[in-house]
Amino acid sequence: MPIPSLALWEEVEKTDPKFTKEYTGPGGFTGTAVNAQYLAKRATEQFGPCGTGWGYEVIEERFDVGGPLLSKEGSVLAHAQVHTLKVALWYVGGDGERKTITHYGHTPFITQHRFGISNSR
């Protein structure tokens, strides 16, 4: 018997592998990315249309400057940068009240790897 507070979790916790993709990121990090359209569809199935039953607001957006990226000779070519977002995801709960979850996300923007410096755009 499902625990009521976990019912939603248990209903959506399995991701259809058709909507995932393996990837390798900077520094050899590997992971599995889930298609964003699939996630929006699943949220719409649970809560209704985006903007009505669920939605999000970007609270903060910035580029954080990191350490120097050096040439083979040791001169500074650029500085690493990470794109940072603080997002409030909201949804309308079963009780009709709006609930909010706040989260930070980070994406490397300017990085250095064995082939040189790259920009994620």
Protein backbone atom coordinates (compact mmCIF):
# COMPACT_ATOMS: atom_id res chain seq x y z
CA MET A 1 0.00 0.00 0.00
CA PRO A 2 1.54 3.36 -1.02
CA ILE A 3 2.27 5.91 1.65
CA PRO A 4 0.05 8.94 0.81
CA SER A 5 2.90 11.44 1.11
CA LEU A 6 4.94 9.39 -1.39
CA ALA A 7 2.13 8.63 -3.87
CA LEU A 8 3.21 11.28 -6.40
CA TRP A 9 6.88 10.35 -5.99
CA GLU A 10 6.17 6.68 -6.62
CA GLU A 11 4.03 7.48 -9.65
CA VAL A 12 6.71 9.53 -11.45
CA GLU A 13 10.02 8.18 -10.09
CA LYS A 14 10.68 5.91 -13.09
CA THR A 15 11.87 7.68 -16.23
CA ASP A 16 11.15 6.10 -19.59
CA PRO A 17 14.66 5.36 -20.98
CA LYS A 18 13.51 6.51 -24.45
CA PHE A 19 13.71 10.06 -23.08
CA THR A 20 17.24 9.86 -21.65
CA LYS A 21 20.70 10.28 -23.12
CA GLU A 22 24.10 9.38 -21.69
CA TYR A 23 26.71 12.12 -21.78
CA THR A 24 30.26 12.96 -20.78
CA GLY A 25 30.88 16.43 -19.43
CA PRO A 26 33.94 18.51 -18.62
CA GLY A 27 36.63 16.64 -16.73
CA GLY A 28 35.22 13.26 -17.78
CA PHE A 29 32.05 13.52 -15.65
CA THR A 30 29.47 11.08 -16.96
CA GLY A 31 25.76 11.05 -16.39
CA THR A 32 22.31 10.62 -17.82
CA ALA A 33 20.33 13.60 -19.08
CA VAL A 34 16.55 13.53 -19.16
CA ASN A 35 14.78 15.26 -22.04
CA ALA A 36 13.34 18.55 -20.70
CA GLN A 37 10.19 18.30 -22.87
CA TYR A 38 9.48 14.90 -21.34
CA LEU A 39 9.76 16.36 -17.83
CA ALA A 40 7.38 19.21 -18.73
CA LYS A 41 4.93 16.69 -20.17
CA ARG A 42 5.07 14.59 -16.99
CA ALA A 43 4.49 17.69 -14.83
CA THR A 44 1.52 18.64 -17.04
CA GLU A 45 0.08 15.13 -16.65
CA GLN A 46 0.21 15.51 -12.87
CA PHE A 47 -0.67 19.17 -12.30
CA GLY A 48 -2.27 20.54 -15.47
CA PRO A 49 -0.91 23.12 -17.92
CA CYS A 50 2.23 25.07 -17.16
CA GLY A 51 1.21 28.45 -15.75
CA THR A 52 -1.97 27.03 -14.25
CA GLY A 53 -1.14 23.88 -12.27
CA TRP A 54 2.61 24.33 -12.15
CA GLY A 55 5.33 26.70 -13.29
CA TYR A 56 8.66 28.27 -12.44
CA GLU A 57 10.27 31.62 -11.84
CA VAL A 58 13.94 32.46 -12.30
CA ILE A 59 14.83 34.21 -9.05
CA GLU A 60 18.50 34.80 -9.74
CA GLU A 61 20.81 34.33 -12.71
CA ARG A 62 24.52 35.03 -12.78
CA PHE A 63 27.90 33.96 -14.15
CA ASP A 64 30.34 33.01 -11.40
CA VAL A 65 33.99 33.61 -12.26
CA GLY A 66 36.38 30.87 -11.25
CA GLY A 67 40.08 30.21 -11.45
CA PRO A 68 42.44 31.13 -14.26
CA LEU A 69 42.68 29.00 -17.40
CA LEU A 70 46.30 28.87 -18.44
CA SER A 71 48.20 28.40 -21.68
CA LYS A 72 50.90 25.73 -21.88
CA GLU A 73 53.38 28.50 -21.13
CA GLY A 74 51.50 29.52 -17.98
CA SER A 75 49.91 32.78 -19.08
CA VAL A 76 46.28 33.45 -18.20
CA LEU A 77 44.04 33.00 -21.25
CA ALA A 78 40.69 33.44 -19.50
CA HIS A 79 38.91 32.56 -16.28
CA ALA A 80 36.52 29.67 -15.85
CA GLN A 81 32.88 30.62 -15.58
CA VAL A 82 29.82 28.80 -14.31
CA HIS A 83 26.28 29.83 -15.19
CA THR A 84 24.19 29.76 -12.01
CA LEU A 85 20.40 29.88 -11.74
CA LYS A 86 18.19 30.00 -8.70
CA VAL A 87 14.72 28.83 -9.70
CA ALA A 88 11.45 28.60 -7.80
CA LEU A 89 9.35 25.70 -9.08
CA TRP A 90 5.72 25.91 -7.98
CA TYR A 91 2.78 23.55 -8.26
CA VAL A 92 -0.78 23.41 -6.99
CA GLY A 93 -1.10 20.62 -4.42
CA GLY A 94 -4.05 18.30 -3.90
CA ASP A 95 -5.34 20.70 -1.26
CA GLY A 96 -5.54 23.50 -3.87
CA GLU A 97 -2.69 25.45 -2.28
CA ARG A 98 0.34 26.65 -4.21
CA LYS A 99 3.56 24.95 -3.07
CA THR A 100 7.06 26.17 -3.96
CA ILE A 101 10.42 24.43 -4.18
CA THR A 102 13.54 26.57 -4.62
CA HIS A 103 16.67 25.13 -6.19
CA TYR A 104 20.04 26.22 -7.59
CA GLY A 105 21.44 24.81 -10.82
CA HIS A 106 24.95 25.22 -12.21
CA THR A 107 26.27 24.68 -15.74
CA PRO A 108 29.91 25.10 -16.80
CA PHE A 109 30.07 28.01 -19.26
CA ILE A 110 33.76 28.58 -19.93
CA THR A 111 36.01 25.60 -19.27
CA GLN A 112 39.36 24.22 -20.25
CA HIS A 113 40.06 20.71 -21.45
CA ARG A 114 42.84 18.96 -23.30
CA PHE A 115 41.82 20.60 -26.60
CA GLY A 116 41.80 24.13 -25.17
CA ILE A 117 39.24 26.54 -23.80
CA SER A 118 35.60 26.14 -24.73
CA ASN A 119 32.37 28.03 -24.30
CA SER A 120 29.22 25.98 -23.76
CA ARG A 121 27.19 28.05 -26.22
